[in-house]
Structures are given as structure tokens and as C-alpha cells.
Amino acid sequence: MTTVLVVDDEQTVRDTVALRLQQDGHRVITAADGAEALRRYHDDKPDLILLDLMLPELSGIEITRIVRGESDVPILMLTARDSELDKVVGLELGADDYVTKPFSMRELQARVRALLRRRESAQAAGPAEGSAIIPVGTVSVDLAGHRVLRAGKAIPMKPKAFDLLAFLARNPGQVFTRQQLLEQVWGSDYPGETRTVDVHVHWLRSEIERDPANPQVLETVRGVGYVLRADASTV
């Protein structure tokens, strides 16, 4: 049975979401503030976190930062704000998806199922195939070790950012649309927006490009999508 941690300072939201997820067969634990959320996260080690951005004690952004430093557990942000900046910041810190309040419970349940399926698939697949270490810009991608190296040392990398970089590294020179990347990396049943791809590309460029403002490795193909240039992929 999967465990879902629901973090929201509104009791009605916590109770409603918890009930629906329990009906879906999940074990649900709840927290009303950021400090309690971190305690429950460390004690119960949930398989997924539903996390409100606006919380007492610690914000959802800060919790995301802490959790991402320790784990790749899926994080689904809940926010009452319809601000693109909040969503982008959360995604850049490593959240996997978001929904804006008020939200449809059916949509929320669908996103939870999609995130859990992808986590289960990744765990079942085990380490990445092959033992190749592929040079990409200023870094090298260790597919088998599921890590990114700079000068031989591993650097922090968000789970989905690594998945996106690894996919592109396996397919150098091939142009992909945002929708194709979304389907290949996040899954065909991912209900999020293609903006998610743009956010992760922006973050990757800050890590792999010598000049992120003038990308030579991970390029934008106007009107199409993105391409990793094989001839530019040298450390």
C-alpha cells in the first residue's frame, strides 16, 4: 500500500483529499504546517507528497528544497495562487507537478495516479541501461550511476532534470517537440503542461552550458522544440 502525505493548513482540504485518496486505496497521513510536514516525511517516508505552498512554520517552497536534497519522492504542489512565478519556482526546486486551487478531485486523483505509476516504473526498471558516460557540455552524464559529473565529481541534479538530460544524451542531434519530451520523460499520461519542459531546460542550461544565455549544447529549434547538439557535447 502506498503512503501519501497531504500537507495543507486548511483542515477541510486535508480531510477531503485524505478521504478520496483513502478510497483509492492509499494510506494517508496529514500535516497542518511545514514543521509537522517534515516530521511526518522523515518518520513515515511517504511514496508521494501533496504539498501546499502557503504554510505556517515552513513554506512549501522550503520543504521542497529540503526534501529534494534527500529524496526523489514525487511532490505535487497545491497552491491557491494562480501565479506562474510560484509554479516555476516550485518546479525548478524539483516539484514534479502542480494543481491550482480550487481544483477538481478527479484531476487531483489522476495526477496522483500518474506520478505513482511513473515512480513504480522507474523503480522496476532499475539502473539505466548500459554503462556509458556521455559528455554533455560542461558535464558528463553517468547513465548507469544515474548521476551527473563535473570534473569527476557528482553534482546535485533534480530527478526529472536528470531524466530529461539522459534522454537527450541518448538521442543527440534529434529534435523533439515539447510534447514529445513531456511524453518520453514524464509519461504519456502526465496531465501537466509543456511549460514544465521549458523550466527544466532552463535549469539544465545553467548546469551544462558555458554561457546559458547563449546555449550551444541544448538549443531551441524555433517553432519546434529542443535538440542536444552532439558536436557541441564536449566537456
C-alpha atoms as a PDB file:
ATOM      1  CA  MET A   1       0.000   0.000   0.000  1.00  0.00           C
ATOM      2  CA  THR A   2       1.361   3.398  -0.967  1.00  0.00           C
ATOM      3  CA  THR A   3       1.608   6.166   1.609  1.00  0.00           C
ATOM      4  CA  VAL A   4       0.648   9.732   0.671  1.00  0.00           C
ATOM      5  CA  LEU A   5       1.480  12.733   2.843  1.00  0.00           C
ATOM      6  CA  VAL A   6      -1.082  15.538   2.497  1.00  0.00           C
ATOM      7  CA  VAL A   7       0.181  18.916   3.745  1.00  0.00           C
ATOM      8  CA  ASP A   8      -2.273  21.806   3.944  1.00  0.00           C
ATOM      9  CA  ASP A   9      -3.180  24.272   6.679  1.00  0.00           C
ATOM     10  CA  GLU A  10      -6.874  24.122   5.761  1.00  0.00           C
ATOM     11  CA  GLN A  11      -8.496  21.234   7.619  1.00  0.00           C
ATOM     12  CA  THR A  12     -11.331  20.951   5.094  1.00  0.00           C
ATOM     13  CA  VAL A  13      -8.837  20.452   2.282  1.00  0.00           C
ATOM     14  CA  ARG A  14      -6.813  17.919   4.286  1.00  0.00           C
ATOM     15  CA  ASP A  15      -9.865  15.910   5.260  1.00  0.00           C
ATOM     16  CA  THR A  16     -11.450  15.945   1.795  1.00  0.00           C
ATOM     17  CA  VAL A  17      -8.267  14.967  -0.029  1.00  0.00           C
ATOM     18  CA  ALA A  18      -7.396  12.333   2.564  1.00  0.00           C
ATOM     19  CA  LEU A  19     -10.815  10.718   2.273  1.00  0.00           C
ATOM     20  CA  ARG A  20     -10.709  10.490  -1.527  1.00  0.00           C
ATOM     21  CA  LEU A  21      -7.176   9.101  -1.573  1.00  0.00           C
ATOM     22  CA  GLN A  22      -8.071   6.550   1.091  1.00  0.00           C
ATOM     23  CA  GLN A  23     -10.966   5.465  -1.111  1.00  0.00           C
ATOM     24  CA  ASP A  24      -8.379   4.933  -3.864  1.00  0.00           C
ATOM     25  CA  GLY A  25      -6.563   2.509  -1.590  1.00  0.00           C
ATOM     26  CA  HIS A  26      -3.759   4.714  -0.288  1.00  0.00           C
ATOM     27  CA  ARG A  27      -2.590   5.088   3.288  1.00  0.00           C
ATOM     28  CA  VAL A  28      -2.849   8.819   4.001  1.00  0.00           C
ATOM     29  CA  ILE A  29      -1.033  10.849   6.634  1.00  0.00           C
ATOM     30  CA  THR A  30      -1.563  14.584   7.080  1.00  0.00           C
ATOM     31  CA  ALA A  31       0.202  17.682   8.364  1.00  0.00           C
ATOM     32  CA  ALA A  32      -1.107  21.191   9.010  1.00  0.00           C
ATOM     33  CA  ASP A  33       2.170  23.145   8.899  1.00  0.00           C
ATOM     34  CA  GLY A  34       5.662  22.931   7.483  1.00  0.00           C
ATOM     35  CA  ALA A  35       7.410  21.746  10.629  1.00  0.00           C
ATOM     36  CA  GLU A  36       4.917  18.919  11.116  1.00  0.00           C
ATOM     37  CA  ALA A  37       5.213  18.037   7.425  1.00  0.00           C
ATOM     38  CA  LEU A  38       8.966  17.490   7.727  1.00  0.00           C
ATOM     39  CA  ARG A  39       8.490  15.347  10.824  1.00  0.00           C
ATOM     40  CA  ARG A  40       5.920  13.167   9.076  1.00  0.00           C
ATOM     41  CA  TYR A  41       8.103  12.959   5.974  1.00  0.00           C
ATOM     42  CA  HIS A  42      11.090  11.704   7.976  1.00  0.00           C
ATOM     43  CA  ASP A  43       9.054   9.375  10.199  1.00  0.00           C
ATOM     44  CA  ASP A  44       6.729   7.814   7.608  1.00  0.00           C
ATOM     45  CA  LYS A  45       8.777   8.069   4.389  1.00  0.00           C
ATOM     46  CA  PRO A  46       5.760   8.603   2.087  1.00  0.00           C
ATOM     47  CA  ASP A  47       5.636   7.491  -1.547  1.00  0.00           C
ATOM     48  CA  LEU A  48       4.206  10.862  -2.610  1.00  0.00           C
ATOM     49  CA  ILE A  49       3.739  14.303  -1.052  1.00  0.00           C
ATOM     50  CA  LEU A  50       0.826  16.654  -1.754  1.00  0.00           C
ATOM     51  CA  LEU A  51       2.209  19.975  -0.619  1.00  0.00           C
ATOM     52  CA  ASP A  52       0.512  23.359  -0.225  1.00  0.00           C
ATOM     53  CA  LEU A  53       2.879  26.254  -0.963  1.00  0.00           C
ATOM     54  CA  MET A  54       1.476  28.619   1.668  1.00  0.00           C
ATOM     55  CA  LEU A  55       2.060  27.062   5.096  1.00  0.00           C
ATOM     56  CA  PRO A  56       2.807  28.190   8.663  1.00  0.00           C
ATOM     57  CA  GLU A  57       6.264  27.469  10.128  1.00  0.00           C
ATOM     58  CA  LEU A  58       7.951  26.488   6.849  1.00  0.00           C
ATOM     59  CA  SER A  59       6.743  27.271   3.345  1.00  0.00           C
ATOM     60  CA  GLY A  60       6.080  24.605   0.762  1.00  0.00           C
ATOM     61  CA  ILE A  61       8.991  26.002  -1.258  1.00  0.00           C
ATOM     62  CA  GLU A  62      11.387  25.473   1.649  1.00  0.00           C
ATOM     63  CA  ILE A  63      10.048  21.972   2.293  1.00  0.00           C
ATOM     64  CA  THR A  64      10.552  21.117  -1.377  1.00  0.00           C
ATOM     65  CA  ARG A  65      14.142  22.337  -1.159  1.00  0.00           C
ATOM     66  CA  ILE A  66      14.840  20.180   1.905  1.00  0.00           C
ATOM     67  CA  VAL A  67      13.112  17.053   0.605  1.00  0.00           C
ATOM     68  CA  ARG A  68      14.826  17.293  -2.785  1.00  0.00           C
ATOM     69  CA  GLY A  69      18.186  17.328  -1.038  1.00  0.00           C
ATOM     70  CA  GLU A  70      17.360  13.927   0.432  1.00  0.00           C
ATOM     71  CA  SER A  71      14.964  12.099  -1.859  1.00  0.00           C
ATOM     72  CA  ASP A  72      13.321  11.888  -5.283  1.00  0.00           C
ATOM     73  CA  VAL A  73       9.874  11.203  -3.787  1.00  0.00           C
ATOM     74  CA  PRO A  74       7.219  12.731  -6.100  1.00  0.00           C
ATOM     75  CA  ILE A  75       5.967  16.145  -4.956  1.00  0.00           C
ATOM     76  CA  LEU A  76       2.624  17.507  -6.181  1.00  0.00           C
ATOM     77  CA  MET A  77       2.221  21.168  -5.255  1.00  0.00           C
ATOM     78  CA  LEU A  78      -1.118  22.584  -4.164  1.00  0.00           C
ATOM     79  CA  THR A  79      -1.425  26.349  -4.457  1.00  0.00           C
ATOM     80  CA  ALA A  80      -4.183  28.913  -4.151  1.00  0.00           C
ATOM     81  CA  ARG A  81      -2.117  31.322  -6.217  1.00  0.00           C
ATOM     82  CA  ASP A  82      -2.528  31.482  -9.967  1.00  0.00           C
ATOM     83  CA  SER A  83       0.985  32.895 -10.266  1.00  0.00           C
ATOM     84  CA  GLU A  84       3.310  31.482 -12.893  1.00  0.00           C
ATOM     85  CA  LEU A  85       6.293  32.504 -10.775  1.00  0.00           C
ATOM     86  CA  ASP A  86       5.207  30.307  -7.850  1.00  0.00           C
ATOM     87  CA  LYS A  87       4.784  27.328 -10.153  1.00  0.00           C
ATOM     88  CA  VAL A  88       8.101  27.892 -11.890  1.00  0.00           C
ATOM     89  CA  VAL A  89       9.995  28.255  -8.606  1.00  0.00           C
ATOM     90  CA  GLY A  90       8.433  25.061  -7.289  1.00  0.00           C
ATOM     91  CA  LEU A  91       9.273  23.136 -10.455  1.00  0.00           C
ATOM     92  CA  GLU A  92      12.812  24.475 -10.527  1.00  0.00           C
ATOM     93  CA  LEU A  93      13.317  23.267  -6.966  1.00  0.00           C
ATOM     94  CA  GLY A  94      12.248  19.788  -8.004  1.00  0.00           C
ATOM     95  CA  ALA A  95       8.472  19.515  -7.613  1.00  0.00           C
ATOM     96  CA  ASP A  96       7.014  17.107 -10.171  1.00  0.00           C
ATOM     97  CA  ASP A  97       3.642  18.712 -10.832  1.00  0.00           C
ATOM     98  CA  TYR A  98       1.157  21.261  -9.508  1.00  0.00           C
ATOM     99  CA  VAL A  99      -2.560  21.948  -9.253  1.00  0.00           C
ATOM    100  CA  THR A 100      -4.113  25.331  -8.533  1.00  0.00           C
ATOM    101  CA  LYS A 101      -6.912  25.727  -6.007  1.00  0.00           C
ATOM    102  CA  PRO A 102      -9.791  25.310  -6.351  1.00  0.00           C
ATOM    103  CA  PHE A 103      -9.095  22.005  -8.072  1.00  0.00           C
ATOM    104  CA  SER A 104     -11.160  19.087  -9.246  1.00  0.00           C
ATOM    105  CA  MET A 105     -10.744  15.994  -7.069  1.00  0.00           C
ATOM    106  CA  ARG A 106     -10.831  13.851 -10.203  1.00  0.00           C
ATOM    107  CA  GLU A 107      -7.938  15.822 -11.653  1.00  0.00           C
ATOM    108  CA  LEU A 108      -6.004  15.567  -8.403  1.00  0.00           C
ATOM    109  CA  GLN A 109      -6.565  11.814  -8.208  1.00  0.00           C
ATOM    110  CA  ALA A 110      -5.468  11.410 -11.846  1.00  0.00           C
ATOM    111  CA  ARG A 111      -2.242  13.319 -11.210  1.00  0.00           C
ATOM    112  CA  VAL A 112      -1.522  11.284  -8.092  1.00  0.00           C
ATOM    113  CA  ARG A 113      -2.005   8.048 -10.041  1.00  0.00           C
ATOM    114  CA  ALA A 114       0.235   9.285 -12.864  1.00  0.00           C
ATOM    115  CA  LEU A 115       3.055  10.276 -10.505  1.00  0.00           C
ATOM    116  CA  LEU A 116       2.891   6.997  -8.600  1.00  0.00           C
ATOM    117  CA  ARG A 117       2.874   4.950 -11.821  1.00  0.00           C
ATOM    118  CA  ARG A 118       5.982   6.714 -13.054  1.00  0.00           C
ATOM    119  CA  ARG A 119       7.730   6.151  -9.731  1.00  0.00           C
ATOM    120  CA  GLU A 120       6.850   2.461  -9.782  1.00  0.00           C
ATOM    121  CA  SER A 121       8.031   2.120 -13.388  1.00  0.00           C
ATOM    122  CA  ALA A 122      11.342   3.797 -12.602  1.00  0.00           C
ATOM    123  CA  GLN A 123      11.909   1.569  -9.578  1.00  0.00           C
ATOM    124  CA  ALA A 124      11.039  -1.562 -11.564  1.00  0.00           C
ATOM    125  CA  ALA A 125      13.400  -0.577 -14.369  1.00  0.00           C
ATOM    126  CA  GLY A 126      16.351  -0.331 -12.014  1.00  0.00           C
ATOM    127  CA  PRO A 127      19.563   1.391 -13.104  1.00  0.00           C
ATOM    128  CA  ALA A 128      19.789   2.928 -16.532  1.00  0.00           C
ATOM    129  CA  GLU A 129      20.807   0.567 -19.287  1.00  0.00           C
ATOM    130  CA  GLY A 130      24.443   0.423 -20.244  1.00  0.00           C
ATOM    131  CA  SER A 131      27.468   1.829 -18.516  1.00  0.00           C
ATOM    132  CA  ALA A 132      28.107   4.773 -20.818  1.00  0.00           C
ATOM    133  CA  ILE A 133      29.340   8.088 -19.514  1.00  0.00           C
ATOM    134  CA  ILE A 134      28.319  10.677 -22.093  1.00  0.00           C
ATOM    135  CA  PRO A 135      29.970  14.117 -22.232  1.00  0.00           C
ATOM    136  CA  VAL A 136      27.377  16.887 -22.456  1.00  0.00           C
ATOM    137  CA  GLY A 137      28.571  20.466 -22.422  1.00  0.00           C
ATOM    138  CA  THR A 138      30.437  21.171 -19.191  1.00  0.00           C
ATOM    139  CA  VAL A 139      29.362  17.898 -17.547  1.00  0.00           C
ATOM    140  CA  SER A 140      29.272  14.136 -18.136  1.00  0.00           C
ATOM    141  CA  VAL A 141      26.152  12.003 -17.757  1.00  0.00           C
ATOM    142  CA  ASP A 142      26.704   8.674 -15.998  1.00  0.00           C
ATOM    143  CA  LEU A 143      23.693   6.680 -17.198  1.00  0.00           C
ATOM    144  CA  ALA A 144      24.302   3.573 -15.104  1.00  0.00           C
ATOM    145  CA  GLY A 145      25.131   5.540 -11.965  1.00  0.00           C
ATOM    146  CA  HIS A 146      22.198   7.909 -12.513  1.00  0.00           C
ATOM    147  CA  ARG A 147      24.365  10.940 -11.787  1.00  0.00           C
ATOM    148  CA  VAL A 148      25.916  13.955 -13.458  1.00  0.00           C
ATOM    149  CA  LEU A 149      29.624  14.611 -13.076  1.00  0.00           C
ATOM    150  CA  ARG A 150      31.709  17.745 -13.346  1.00  0.00           C
ATOM    151  CA  ALA A 151      35.486  17.231 -13.206  1.00  0.00           C
ATOM    152  CA  GLY A 152      34.785  13.720 -11.928  1.00  0.00           C
ATOM    153  CA  LYS A 153      32.607  14.861  -9.023  1.00  0.00           C
ATOM    154  CA  ALA A 154      28.850  14.321  -8.786  1.00  0.00           C
ATOM    155  CA  ILE A 155      26.753  17.487  -8.782  1.00  0.00           C
ATOM    156  CA  PRO A 156      23.199  17.864  -7.400  1.00  0.00           C
ATOM    157  CA  MET A 157      20.598  17.156 -10.061  1.00  0.00           C
ATOM    158  CA  LYS A 158      16.821  17.127  -9.773  1.00  0.00           C
ATOM    159  CA  PRO A 159      15.389  13.688 -10.685  1.00  0.00           C
ATOM    160  CA  LYS A 160      13.342  14.839 -13.679  1.00  0.00           C
ATOM    161  CA  ALA A 161      16.133  17.106 -14.876  1.00  0.00           C
ATOM    162  CA  PHE A 162      18.435  14.090 -14.933  1.00  0.00           C
ATOM    163  CA  ASP A 163      15.842  12.008 -16.773  1.00  0.00           C
ATOM    164  CA  LEU A 164      15.448  14.742 -19.393  1.00  0.00           C
ATOM    165  CA  LEU A 165      19.208  15.156 -19.826  1.00  0.00           C
ATOM    166  CA  ALA A 166      19.747  11.395 -20.053  1.00  0.00           C
ATOM    167  CA  PHE A 167      17.028  11.038 -22.691  1.00  0.00           C
ATOM    168  CA  LEU A 168      18.503  13.824 -24.808  1.00  0.00           C
ATOM    169  CA  ALA A 169      22.027  12.451 -24.339  1.00  0.00           C
ATOM    170  CA  ARG A 170      20.852   9.111 -25.733  1.00  0.00           C
ATOM    171  CA  ASN A 171      19.364  10.893 -28.754  1.00  0.00           C
ATOM    172  CA  PRO A 172      21.879  13.592 -29.768  1.00  0.00           C
ATOM    173  CA  GLY A 173      21.074  15.625 -32.851  1.00  0.00           C
ATOM    174  CA  GLN A 174      17.398  14.688 -32.812  1.00  0.00           C
ATOM    175  CA  VAL A 175      14.854  17.482 -32.472  1.00  0.00           C
ATOM    176  CA  PHE A 176      11.974  16.842 -30.079  1.00  0.00           C
ATOM    177  CA  THR A 177       8.845  18.864 -29.527  1.00  0.00           C
ATOM    178  CA  ARG A 178       7.926  19.858 -26.001  1.00  0.00           C
ATOM    179  CA  GLN A 179       5.019  17.408 -26.125  1.00  0.00           C
ATOM    180  CA  GLN A 180       7.321  14.565 -27.189  1.00  0.00           C
ATOM    181  CA  LEU A 181       9.714  15.314 -24.347  1.00  0.00           C
ATOM    182  CA  LEU A 182       6.831  15.516 -21.906  1.00  0.00           C
ATOM    183  CA  GLU A 183       5.595  12.086 -23.021  1.00  0.00           C
ATOM    184  CA  GLN A 184       9.040  10.460 -23.099  1.00  0.00           C
ATOM    185  CA  VAL A 185      10.297  11.791 -19.762  1.00  0.00           C
ATOM    186  CA  TRP A 186       7.179  12.479 -17.685  1.00  0.00           C
ATOM    187  CA  GLY A 187       4.972   9.792 -19.253  1.00  0.00           C
ATOM    188  CA  SER A 188       2.153   9.740 -21.793  1.00  0.00           C
ATOM    189  CA  ASP A 189      -0.431  10.027 -19.018  1.00  0.00           C
ATOM    190  CA  TYR A 190       1.186  13.091 -17.447  1.00  0.00           C
ATOM    191  CA  PRO A 191      -1.560  15.721 -17.099  1.00  0.00           C
ATOM    192  CA  GLY A 192       0.764  18.697 -16.703  1.00  0.00           C
ATOM    193  CA  GLU A 193       1.690  21.421 -19.179  1.00  0.00           C
ATOM    194  CA  THR A 194       4.570  21.653 -21.663  1.00  0.00           C
ATOM    195  CA  ARG A 195       5.792  24.649 -19.637  1.00  0.00           C
ATOM    196  CA  THR A 196       7.285  22.002 -17.336  1.00  0.00           C
ATOM    197  CA  VAL A 197       9.746  21.089 -20.108  1.00  0.00           C
ATOM    198  CA  ASP A 198      10.800  24.731 -20.558  1.00  0.00           C
ATOM    199  CA  VAL A 199      11.501  25.099 -16.843  1.00  0.00           C
ATOM    200  CA  HIS A 200      13.706  22.009 -16.770  1.00  0.00           C
ATOM    201  CA  VAL A 201      15.539  23.027 -19.949  1.00  0.00           C
ATOM    202  CA  HIS A 202      16.265  26.426 -18.392  1.00  0.00           C
ATOM    203  CA  TRP A 203      17.665  24.733 -15.288  1.00  0.00           C
ATOM    204  CA  LEU A 204      19.746  22.255 -17.323  1.00  0.00           C
ATOM    205  CA  ARG A 205      21.308  25.034 -19.352  1.00  0.00           C
ATOM    206  CA  SER A 206      22.543  26.663 -16.167  1.00  0.00           C
ATOM    207  CA  GLU A 207      24.428  23.435 -15.451  1.00  0.00           C
ATOM    208  CA  ILE A 208      25.694  22.246 -18.835  1.00  0.00           C
ATOM    209  CA  GLU A 209      26.249  25.396 -20.911  1.00  0.00           C
ATOM    210  CA  ARG A 210      29.369  27.545 -20.721  1.00  0.00           C
ATOM    211  CA  ASP A 211      27.116  30.522 -21.447  1.00  0.00           C
ATOM    212  CA  PRO A 212      23.492  29.669 -20.534  1.00  0.00           C
ATOM    213  CA  ALA A 213      22.267  32.889 -22.174  1.00  0.00           C
ATOM    214  CA  ASN A 214      23.738  31.707 -25.473  1.00  0.00           C
ATOM    215  CA  PRO A 215      23.158  27.920 -25.476  1.00  0.00           C
ATOM    216  CA  GLN A 216      25.329  25.892 -27.825  1.00  0.00           C
ATOM    217  CA  VAL A 217      24.573  22.402 -26.468  1.00  0.00           C
ATOM    218  CA  LEU A 218      20.880  22.310 -25.622  1.00  0.00           C
ATOM    219  CA  GLU A 219      19.416  24.502 -28.335  1.00  0.00           C
ATOM    220  CA  THR A 220      15.928  25.776 -29.048  1.00  0.00           C
ATOM    221  CA  VAL A 221      14.631  24.994 -32.529  1.00  0.00           C
ATOM    222  CA  ARG A 222      12.204  27.827 -33.169  1.00  0.00           C
ATOM    223  CA  GLY A 223       8.659  26.654 -33.741  1.00  0.00           C
ATOM    224  CA  VAL A 224       9.552  23.027 -32.975  1.00  0.00           C
ATOM    225  CA  GLY A 225      11.241  22.290 -29.658  1.00  0.00           C
ATOM    226  CA  TYR A 226      14.708  21.353 -28.419  1.00  0.00           C
ATOM    227  CA  VAL A 227      17.792  19.474 -29.607  1.00  0.00           C
ATOM    228  CA  LEU A 228      21.018  18.354 -27.940  1.00  0.00           C
ATOM    229  CA  ARG A 229      23.856  19.060 -30.359  1.00  0.00           C
ATOM    230  CA  ALA A 230      26.193  16.070 -30.478  1.00  0.00           C
ATOM    231  CA  ASP A 231      29.080  18.054 -31.955  1.00  0.00           C
ATOM    232  CA  ALA A 232      28.841  20.578 -29.102  1.00  0.00           C
ATOM    233  CA  SER A 233      28.642  17.947 -26.345  1.00  0.00           C
ATOM    234  CA  THR A 234      32.249  18.072 -25.210  1.00  0.00           C
ATOM    235  CA  VAL A 235      33.411  18.954 -21.727  1.00  0.00           C
END
